[in-house]
N, C-alpha and C. Protein backbone atom coordinates (compact mmCIF):
# COMPACT_ATOMS: atom_id res chain seq x y z
N MET A 1 142.57 120.52 170.04
CA MET A 1 141.98 121.10 168.84
C MET A 1 140.79 120.24 168.43
N SER A 2 139.67 120.84 168.14
CA SER A 2 138.50 120.08 167.71
C SER A 2 138.66 119.68 166.26
N SER A 3 138.00 118.57 165.88
CA SER A 3 138.19 118.03 164.54
C SER A 3 137.70 118.98 163.46
N ASP A 4 136.74 119.89 163.77
CA ASP A 4 136.26 120.80 162.75
C ASP A 4 137.30 121.86 162.39
N LYS A 5 138.34 122.01 163.19
CA LYS A 5 139.39 122.99 162.91
C LYS A 5 140.60 122.35 162.22
N VAL A 6 140.61 121.04 162.09
CA VAL A 6 141.73 120.36 161.46
C VAL A 6 141.60 120.49 159.95
N THR A 7 142.62 121.05 159.34
CA THR A 7 142.65 121.22 157.89
C THR A 7 143.94 120.61 157.36
N THR A 8 143.99 120.42 156.07
CA THR A 8 145.22 119.92 155.46
C THR A 8 146.36 120.89 155.73
N GLU A 9 146.09 122.19 155.65
CA GLU A 9 147.13 123.19 155.93
C GLU A 9 147.65 123.04 157.35
N TYR A 10 146.75 122.88 158.31
CA TYR A 10 147.15 122.68 159.71
C TYR A 10 148.02 121.44 159.86
N LEU A 11 147.60 120.33 159.26
CA LEU A 11 148.36 119.08 159.36
C LEU A 11 149.76 119.25 158.78
N HIS A 12 149.85 119.86 157.62
CA HIS A 12 151.17 120.05 156.99
C HIS A 12 152.05 120.97 157.83
N LYS A 13 151.48 122.08 158.29
CA LYS A 13 152.25 123.06 159.06
C LYS A 13 152.67 122.50 160.43
N THR A 14 151.81 121.73 161.06
CA THR A 14 152.06 121.26 162.42
C THR A 14 152.86 119.97 162.48
N PHE A 15 152.60 119.04 161.57
CA PHE A 15 153.20 117.71 161.67
C PHE A 15 154.11 117.32 160.51
N LEU A 16 153.88 117.85 159.33
CA LEU A 16 154.55 117.31 158.15
C LEU A 16 155.63 118.21 157.55
N ASP A 17 155.77 119.40 158.06
CA ASP A 17 156.80 120.31 157.57
C ASP A 17 158.16 119.81 158.07
N PRO A 18 159.09 119.49 157.18
CA PRO A 18 160.39 118.99 157.62
C PRO A 18 161.11 119.93 158.59
N ASN A 19 160.81 121.21 158.54
CA ASN A 19 161.45 122.17 159.44
C ASN A 19 160.96 122.06 160.88
N VAL A 20 159.82 121.42 161.10
CA VAL A 20 159.28 121.24 162.46
C VAL A 20 160.17 120.28 163.25
N GLY A 21 160.67 119.25 162.58
CA GLY A 21 161.56 118.28 163.21
C GLY A 21 160.80 117.31 164.13
N MET A 22 161.50 116.27 164.55
CA MET A 22 160.90 115.24 165.39
C MET A 22 160.45 115.80 166.75
N VAL A 23 161.26 116.66 167.34
CA VAL A 23 160.92 117.22 168.64
C VAL A 23 159.69 118.12 168.52
N GLY A 24 159.62 118.92 167.48
CA GLY A 24 158.46 119.77 167.26
C GLY A 24 157.19 118.97 167.03
N THR A 25 157.30 117.89 166.27
CA THR A 25 156.14 117.02 166.05
C THR A 25 155.71 116.36 167.35
N THR A 26 156.66 115.91 168.14
CA THR A 26 156.34 115.31 169.43
C THR A 26 155.63 116.32 170.33
N LYS A 27 156.10 117.55 170.34
CA LYS A 27 155.47 118.61 171.14
C LYS A 27 154.04 118.83 170.68
N ALA A 28 153.80 118.81 169.38
CA ALA A 28 152.44 118.99 168.86
C ALA A 28 151.52 117.87 169.35
N TYR A 29 152.03 116.63 169.39
CA TYR A 29 151.24 115.53 169.92
C TYR A 29 151.00 115.69 171.42
N ASP A 30 152.00 116.18 172.15
CA ASP A 30 151.79 116.46 173.58
C ASP A 30 150.63 117.43 173.76
N ASP A 31 150.60 118.48 172.94
CA ASP A 31 149.54 119.48 173.02
C ASP A 31 148.18 118.92 172.62
N LEU A 32 148.17 117.94 171.73
CA LEU A 32 146.94 117.36 171.20
C LEU A 32 146.41 116.21 172.06
N ALA A 33 147.22 115.70 172.96
CA ALA A 33 146.92 114.44 173.66
C ALA A 33 145.55 114.39 174.32
N GLU A 34 145.15 115.42 175.03
CA GLU A 34 143.88 115.39 175.74
C GLU A 34 142.68 115.26 174.81
N ASN A 35 142.82 115.72 173.59
CA ASN A 35 141.70 115.69 172.65
C ASN A 35 141.82 114.60 171.59
N TYR A 36 142.80 113.73 171.75
CA TYR A 36 143.02 112.69 170.76
C TYR A 36 141.88 111.69 170.79
N ASN A 37 141.69 110.95 169.71
CA ASN A 37 140.60 109.97 169.66
C ASN A 37 140.62 109.06 170.88
N LYS A 38 139.42 108.69 171.37
CA LYS A 38 139.30 107.80 172.52
C LYS A 38 139.90 106.44 172.18
N LEU A 39 140.51 105.81 173.17
CA LEU A 39 141.12 104.49 172.99
C LEU A 39 140.20 103.42 173.54
N TYR A 40 140.00 102.35 172.81
CA TYR A 40 139.11 101.28 173.25
C TYR A 40 139.81 99.93 173.06
N ALA A 41 139.50 99.03 173.93
CA ALA A 41 139.99 97.65 173.80
C ALA A 41 138.78 96.74 173.78
N SER A 42 138.77 95.82 172.84
CA SER A 42 137.65 94.89 172.73
C SER A 42 138.17 93.50 172.42
N GLY A 43 138.15 92.66 173.44
CA GLY A 43 138.54 91.28 173.23
C GLY A 43 140.02 91.01 173.30
N PHE A 44 140.82 92.00 173.59
CA PHE A 44 142.26 91.81 173.70
C PHE A 44 142.63 91.74 175.17
N THR A 45 143.52 90.82 175.51
CA THR A 45 143.87 90.64 176.92
C THR A 45 145.09 91.43 177.35
N GLN A 46 145.95 91.82 176.41
CA GLN A 46 147.13 92.60 176.76
C GLN A 46 147.41 93.62 175.67
N LEU A 47 147.38 94.87 176.05
CA LEU A 47 147.70 95.95 175.13
C LEU A 47 148.82 96.78 175.73
N ASP A 48 149.87 97.00 174.96
CA ASP A 48 150.95 97.90 175.36
C ASP A 48 150.93 99.07 174.39
N GLY A 49 151.54 100.15 174.76
CA GLY A 49 151.59 101.32 173.89
C GLY A 49 152.98 101.90 173.83
N LEU A 50 153.28 102.50 172.70
CA LEU A 50 154.57 103.14 172.50
C LEU A 50 154.33 104.44 171.76
N ASP A 51 154.93 105.51 172.24
CA ASP A 51 154.80 106.81 171.59
C ASP A 51 155.94 107.69 172.09
N PRO A 52 156.48 108.57 171.24
CA PRO A 52 157.51 109.49 171.75
C PRO A 52 156.90 110.66 172.52
N SER A 53 155.58 110.79 172.47
CA SER A 53 154.89 111.88 173.16
C SER A 53 154.44 111.43 174.55
N GLN A 54 155.05 111.97 175.59
CA GLN A 54 154.65 111.62 176.95
C GLN A 54 153.20 112.04 177.21
N GLY A 55 152.77 113.14 176.60
CA GLY A 55 151.39 113.57 176.75
C GLY A 55 150.40 112.53 176.25
N MET A 56 150.71 111.93 175.11
CA MET A 56 149.85 110.87 174.57
C MET A 56 149.85 109.66 175.50
N LEU A 57 151.01 109.32 176.04
CA LEU A 57 151.09 108.18 176.95
C LEU A 57 150.36 108.45 178.26
N ASP A 58 150.40 109.68 178.73
CA ASP A 58 149.68 110.02 179.96
C ASP A 58 148.17 109.82 179.77
N VAL A 59 147.67 110.23 178.61
CA VAL A 59 146.25 110.03 178.32
C VAL A 59 145.96 108.54 178.20
N ALA A 60 146.82 107.80 177.52
CA ALA A 60 146.63 106.35 177.39
C ALA A 60 146.61 105.68 178.77
N LYS A 61 147.50 106.10 179.65
CA LYS A 61 147.56 105.51 180.99
C LYS A 61 146.26 105.77 181.75
N SER A 62 145.69 106.94 181.56
CA SER A 62 144.46 107.29 182.28
C SER A 62 143.28 106.42 181.86
N LYS A 63 143.37 105.77 180.72
CA LYS A 63 142.28 104.90 180.23
C LYS A 63 142.24 103.57 180.98
N GLY A 64 143.37 103.18 181.58
CA GLY A 64 143.41 101.95 182.35
C GLY A 64 143.31 100.67 181.53
N ILE A 65 143.63 100.72 180.26
CA ILE A 65 143.53 99.52 179.42
C ILE A 65 144.89 99.01 178.95
N TYR A 66 145.94 99.77 179.22
CA TYR A 66 147.26 99.39 178.73
C TYR A 66 148.10 98.77 179.84
N GLY A 67 148.95 97.83 179.44
CA GLY A 67 149.94 97.27 180.34
C GLY A 67 151.14 98.20 180.37
N GLU A 68 152.10 97.90 179.52
CA GLU A 68 153.32 98.71 179.44
C GLU A 68 153.10 99.90 178.52
N LEU A 69 153.67 101.03 178.89
CA LEU A 69 153.67 102.22 178.05
C LEU A 69 155.11 102.71 177.97
N LEU A 70 155.64 102.77 176.76
CA LEU A 70 157.04 103.12 176.54
C LEU A 70 157.13 104.43 175.77
N CYS A 71 157.85 105.39 176.32
CA CYS A 71 158.07 106.66 175.65
C CYS A 71 159.40 106.56 174.88
N ALA A 72 159.30 106.42 173.56
CA ALA A 72 160.50 106.24 172.75
C ALA A 72 160.19 106.51 171.28
N TYR A 73 161.24 106.80 170.53
CA TYR A 73 161.14 106.92 169.09
C TYR A 73 161.44 105.55 168.48
N VAL A 74 160.82 105.25 167.35
CA VAL A 74 161.07 104.00 166.62
C VAL A 74 162.06 104.29 165.51
N ALA A 75 163.08 103.45 165.41
CA ALA A 75 164.08 103.52 164.35
C ALA A 75 164.82 104.85 164.35
N LEU A 76 165.21 105.29 165.54
CA LEU A 76 166.03 106.49 165.66
C LEU A 76 167.49 106.04 165.57
N GLY A 77 168.06 106.22 164.40
CA GLY A 77 169.41 105.73 164.17
C GLY A 77 169.42 104.21 164.23
N ASP A 78 170.43 103.65 164.88
CA ASP A 78 170.54 102.20 165.01
C ASP A 78 169.97 101.68 166.33
N GLU A 79 169.33 102.56 167.10
CA GLU A 79 168.82 102.18 168.40
C GLU A 79 167.64 101.22 168.28
N LYS A 80 167.71 100.15 169.06
CA LYS A 80 166.58 99.23 169.17
C LYS A 80 165.75 99.65 170.37
N LEU A 81 164.46 99.40 170.27
CA LEU A 81 163.58 99.65 171.41
C LEU A 81 163.94 98.68 172.54
N ASN A 82 163.66 99.07 173.75
CA ASN A 82 163.94 98.23 174.91
C ASN A 82 162.81 97.21 175.09
N ILE A 83 162.63 96.40 174.06
CA ILE A 83 161.60 95.36 174.03
C ILE A 83 162.25 94.12 173.41
N PRO A 84 162.11 92.96 174.05
CA PRO A 84 162.72 91.75 173.48
C PRO A 84 162.12 91.36 172.13
N ASP A 85 162.91 90.66 171.33
CA ASP A 85 162.44 90.11 170.06
C ASP A 85 161.23 89.21 170.31
N ASN A 86 160.35 89.12 169.31
CA ASN A 86 159.21 88.20 169.33
C ASN A 86 158.33 88.34 170.56
N THR A 87 158.09 89.56 171.00
CA THR A 87 157.29 89.80 172.19
C THR A 87 155.79 89.72 171.91
N TYR A 88 155.35 90.22 170.77
CA TYR A 88 153.91 90.43 170.54
C TYR A 88 153.32 89.49 169.50
N ASP A 89 152.04 89.19 169.69
CA ASP A 89 151.27 88.42 168.72
C ASP A 89 150.84 89.30 167.55
N GLY A 90 150.75 90.58 167.78
CA GLY A 90 150.35 91.51 166.74
C GLY A 90 150.81 92.92 167.09
N LEU A 91 150.86 93.76 166.09
CA LEU A 91 151.30 95.14 166.27
C LEU A 91 150.51 96.00 165.29
N THR A 92 150.04 97.13 165.77
CA THR A 92 149.41 98.10 164.88
C THR A 92 150.14 99.42 164.98
N ILE A 93 150.23 100.09 163.87
CA ILE A 93 150.78 101.43 163.81
C ILE A 93 149.86 102.22 162.89
N CYS A 94 149.37 103.33 163.38
CA CYS A 94 148.38 104.10 162.62
C CYS A 94 148.80 105.56 162.55
N GLY A 95 149.08 106.02 161.35
CA GLY A 95 149.39 107.42 161.13
C GLY A 95 150.71 107.86 161.70
N SER A 96 151.62 106.94 161.92
CA SER A 96 152.88 107.28 162.56
C SER A 96 154.10 107.20 161.66
N MET A 97 153.92 106.78 160.41
CA MET A 97 155.04 106.76 159.47
C MET A 97 154.93 107.98 158.59
N GLY A 98 156.02 108.74 158.51
CA GLY A 98 156.02 109.92 157.66
C GLY A 98 157.08 110.90 158.11
N VAL A 99 157.03 112.09 157.53
CA VAL A 99 157.97 113.15 157.85
C VAL A 99 157.89 113.43 159.35
N ASN A 100 159.04 113.51 159.99
CA ASN A 100 159.15 113.79 161.43
C ASN A 100 158.57 112.69 162.32
N MET A 101 158.34 111.54 161.76
CA MET A 101 157.78 110.43 162.54
C MET A 101 158.62 109.18 162.29
N VAL A 102 157.99 108.03 162.26
CA VAL A 102 158.71 106.78 162.05
C VAL A 102 159.19 106.71 160.60
N PRO A 103 160.50 106.51 160.39
CA PRO A 103 161.03 106.40 159.03
C PRO A 103 160.74 105.01 158.46
N PRO A 104 160.97 104.82 157.15
CA PRO A 104 160.71 103.51 156.55
C PRO A 104 161.41 102.36 157.28
N GLU A 105 162.60 102.62 157.82
CA GLU A 105 163.35 101.57 158.53
C GLU A 105 162.61 101.06 159.77
N GLY A 106 161.60 101.77 160.19
CA GLY A 106 160.80 101.33 161.32
C GLY A 106 160.15 99.97 161.10
N ILE A 107 159.96 99.58 159.84
CA ILE A 107 159.35 98.28 159.58
C ILE A 107 160.24 97.14 160.08
N TYR A 108 161.55 97.35 160.09
CA TYR A 108 162.45 96.30 160.58
C TYR A 108 162.27 96.11 162.08
N GLU A 109 162.13 97.21 162.80
CA GLU A 109 161.93 97.13 164.25
C GLU A 109 160.57 96.53 164.57
N MET A 110 159.54 96.90 163.81
CA MET A 110 158.22 96.31 164.03
C MET A 110 158.28 94.80 163.82
N HIS A 111 158.93 94.39 162.76
CA HIS A 111 159.07 92.97 162.46
C HIS A 111 159.78 92.24 163.60
N ARG A 112 160.80 92.84 164.14
CA ARG A 112 161.58 92.23 165.22
C ARG A 112 160.72 91.95 166.45
N LEU A 113 159.72 92.79 166.69
CA LEU A 113 158.92 92.69 167.91
C LEU A 113 157.80 91.65 167.85
N VAL A 114 157.43 91.21 166.64
CA VAL A 114 156.27 90.33 166.47
C VAL A 114 156.70 88.88 166.26
N LYS A 115 156.00 87.99 166.96
CA LYS A 115 156.28 86.55 166.87
C LYS A 115 155.96 86.02 165.47
N PRO A 116 156.66 84.96 165.04
CA PRO A 116 156.29 84.30 163.78
C PRO A 116 154.80 83.91 163.82
N GLY A 117 154.12 84.19 162.72
CA GLY A 117 152.69 83.95 162.64
C GLY A 117 151.86 85.15 163.04
N GLY A 118 152.50 86.12 163.68
CA GLY A 118 151.80 87.33 164.13
C GLY A 118 151.52 88.28 162.98
N ILE A 119 150.66 89.24 163.27
CA ILE A 119 150.19 90.19 162.26
C ILE A 119 150.69 91.60 162.58
N ILE A 120 151.10 92.31 161.53
CA ILE A 120 151.46 93.72 161.64
C ILE A 120 150.53 94.50 160.72
N VAL A 121 149.82 95.46 161.30
CA VAL A 121 148.92 96.32 160.53
C VAL A 121 149.51 97.72 160.57
N ASN A 122 149.78 98.27 159.40
CA ASN A 122 150.38 99.59 159.27
C ASN A 122 149.46 100.47 158.44
N VAL A 123 148.89 101.50 159.09
CA VAL A 123 148.01 102.44 158.41
C VAL A 123 148.79 103.72 158.17
N VAL A 124 148.86 104.12 156.91
CA VAL A 124 149.69 105.26 156.53
C VAL A 124 148.95 106.10 155.48
N ARG A 125 149.25 107.38 155.47
CA ARG A 125 148.65 108.24 154.45
C ARG A 125 149.14 107.83 153.06
N GLN A 126 148.23 107.83 152.10
CA GLN A 126 148.59 107.48 150.73
C GLN A 126 149.63 108.44 150.19
N GLU A 127 149.54 109.70 150.58
CA GLU A 127 150.52 110.71 150.17
C GLU A 127 151.93 110.31 150.60
N THR A 128 152.05 109.76 151.80
CA THR A 128 153.37 109.33 152.28
C THR A 128 153.94 108.26 151.37
N VAL A 129 153.12 107.29 151.02
CA VAL A 129 153.57 106.17 150.18
C VAL A 129 153.92 106.62 148.77
N ASN A 130 153.14 107.56 148.24
CA ASN A 130 153.28 107.93 146.82
C ASN A 130 154.06 109.20 146.52
N GLU A 131 154.17 110.12 147.49
CA GLU A 131 154.71 111.43 147.16
C GLU A 131 155.83 111.95 148.06
N ILE A 132 155.91 111.49 149.27
CA ILE A 132 156.84 112.08 150.24
C ILE A 132 158.26 111.54 150.03
N GLU A 133 159.20 112.48 149.88
CA GLU A 133 160.61 112.11 149.72
C GLU A 133 161.05 111.25 150.90
N GLY A 134 161.83 110.23 150.62
CA GLY A 134 162.31 109.34 151.65
C GLY A 134 161.37 108.17 151.90
N PHE A 135 160.14 108.25 151.39
CA PHE A 135 159.16 107.18 151.55
C PHE A 135 158.69 106.64 150.22
N LYS A 136 158.44 107.54 149.25
CA LYS A 136 157.79 107.14 148.00
C LYS A 136 158.57 106.09 147.22
N ASP A 137 159.87 106.12 147.29
CA ASP A 137 160.67 105.14 146.55
C ASP A 137 161.33 104.12 147.48
N ARG A 138 160.95 104.14 148.77
CA ARG A 138 161.63 103.26 149.72
C ARG A 138 160.69 102.34 150.49
N LEU A 139 159.57 102.88 151.00
CA LEU A 139 158.75 102.10 151.93
C LEU A 139 158.23 100.81 151.31
N GLU A 140 157.51 100.91 150.22
CA GLU A 140 156.98 99.69 149.61
C GLU A 140 158.08 98.78 149.07
N PRO A 141 159.13 99.30 148.42
CA PRO A 141 160.21 98.40 148.01
C PRO A 141 160.85 97.67 149.21
N MET A 142 160.99 98.35 150.34
CA MET A 142 161.54 97.70 151.53
C MET A 142 160.61 96.59 152.01
N MET A 143 159.31 96.86 151.99
CA MET A 143 158.32 95.84 152.39
C MET A 143 158.38 94.65 151.45
N GLN A 144 158.47 94.93 150.16
CA GLN A 144 158.54 93.86 149.16
C GLN A 144 159.81 93.04 149.31
N GLN A 145 160.92 93.69 149.64
CA GLN A 145 162.18 92.98 149.84
C GLN A 145 162.09 92.07 151.06
N MET A 146 161.43 92.54 152.11
CA MET A 146 161.26 91.70 153.30
C MET A 146 160.44 90.46 152.96
N GLU A 147 159.46 90.62 152.08
CA GLU A 147 158.66 89.46 151.66
C GLU A 147 159.53 88.53 150.82
N ALA A 148 160.31 89.07 149.89
CA ALA A 148 161.20 88.26 149.06
C ALA A 148 162.23 87.51 149.91
N ASP A 149 162.63 88.13 151.03
CA ASP A 149 163.60 87.51 151.94
C ASP A 149 162.94 86.51 152.90
N GLY A 150 161.62 86.32 152.80
CA GLY A 150 160.92 85.36 153.63
C GLY A 150 160.69 85.81 155.06
N LYS A 151 160.74 87.12 155.30
CA LYS A 151 160.55 87.63 156.67
C LYS A 151 159.08 87.82 157.00
N TRP A 152 158.27 88.16 156.01
CA TRP A 152 156.84 88.31 156.21
C TRP A 152 156.13 88.15 154.88
N LYS A 153 154.80 88.05 154.97
CA LYS A 153 153.98 87.86 153.78
C LYS A 153 152.91 88.95 153.77
N LEU A 154 152.72 89.59 152.62
CA LEU A 154 151.66 90.58 152.49
C LEU A 154 150.32 89.87 152.50
N VAL A 155 149.48 90.23 153.45
CA VAL A 155 148.13 89.67 153.55
C VAL A 155 147.17 90.54 152.75
N SER A 156 147.31 91.86 152.90
CA SER A 156 146.46 92.77 152.14
C SER A 156 147.06 94.17 152.08
N ARG A 157 146.67 94.87 151.04
CA ARG A 157 147.02 96.29 150.85
C ARG A 157 145.72 96.94 150.41
N VAL A 158 145.11 97.73 151.31
CA VAL A 158 143.80 98.30 151.07
C VAL A 158 143.88 99.82 151.04
N LEU A 159 143.35 100.41 149.98
CA LEU A 159 143.26 101.87 149.87
C LEU A 159 141.90 102.31 150.39
N PHE A 160 141.86 103.46 151.07
CA PHE A 160 140.57 104.01 151.47
C PHE A 160 140.63 105.53 151.45
N PRO A 161 139.53 106.18 151.03
CA PRO A 161 139.49 107.63 150.94
C PRO A 161 139.25 108.26 152.31
N ASP A 162 139.52 109.53 152.40
CA ASP A 162 139.21 110.30 153.61
C ASP A 162 139.78 109.70 154.88
N TYR A 163 140.98 109.21 154.81
CA TYR A 163 141.64 108.67 156.00
C TYR A 163 141.90 109.78 157.02
N LEU A 164 142.42 110.89 156.55
CA LEU A 164 142.77 112.00 157.43
C LEU A 164 142.40 113.30 156.73
N VAL A 165 141.35 113.93 157.20
CA VAL A 165 140.78 115.13 156.58
C VAL A 165 140.45 114.77 155.14
N ASP A 166 141.21 115.24 154.17
CA ASP A 166 140.92 114.93 152.77
C ASP A 166 142.00 114.04 152.15
N GLN A 167 142.75 113.35 152.99
CA GLN A 167 143.84 112.49 152.52
C GLN A 167 143.40 111.03 152.48
N GLY A 168 143.74 110.34 151.41
CA GLY A 168 143.50 108.91 151.33
C GLY A 168 144.52 108.17 152.18
N GLY A 169 144.21 106.93 152.49
CA GLY A 169 145.11 106.13 153.30
C GLY A 169 145.34 104.75 152.70
N VAL A 170 146.32 104.06 153.23
CA VAL A 170 146.64 102.70 152.83
C VAL A 170 146.78 101.87 154.10
N ILE A 171 146.15 100.71 154.12
CA ILE A 171 146.33 99.77 155.24
C ILE A 171 147.12 98.58 154.70
N PHE A 172 148.33 98.43 155.22
CA PHE A 172 149.17 97.28 154.88
C PHE A 172 149.04 96.28 156.02
N THR A 173 148.73 95.04 155.67
CA THR A 173 148.68 93.98 156.67
C THR A 173 149.67 92.90 156.24
N HIS A 174 150.61 92.59 157.14
CA HIS A 174 151.63 91.56 156.89
C HIS A 174 151.57 90.50 157.99
N GLN A 175 151.88 89.26 157.59
CA GLN A 175 152.02 88.19 158.57
C GLN A 175 153.50 87.83 158.65
N VAL A 176 154.02 87.82 159.87
CA VAL A 176 155.44 87.53 160.10
C VAL A 176 155.70 86.04 159.86
N CYS A 177 156.78 85.74 159.18
CA CYS A 177 157.17 84.35 158.91
C CYS A 177 158.13 83.85 159.96
């Protein structure tokens, strides 16, 4: 789908409708994979990727910049990813927390994967943080509790307009303790 056809209605109907479910959302990403934003690496020596959409991973593999590519859901029940603790120096997640995607509990799994001193950057729609059931009263309190427990430190919380079509976004940056 070309970016000029992406509308808020399309995003809600395709990805954010609770009736679509995780499998339906994954299928939508499979269909979108060939036209997804180009992936670039600059100055990083090892990049791995994780996505429940095999179509997205196939496109990522074709770029030749990734090491490991894992097809899996994050925080699906009590399942841990097949990745050892403290594997990465940093982790980014962009647009993957929300309805039919990574639940708030995904922050625990992200934290588990990053070495002490490492950085976690989480980019999420502002609507998810402020309005979406299951996130609006949980995500930030969970992040704050992790900081109070000494697991990580908030480095920055940045708001920006027009993150996705006409939706604002939030960039949370945490340093693992």
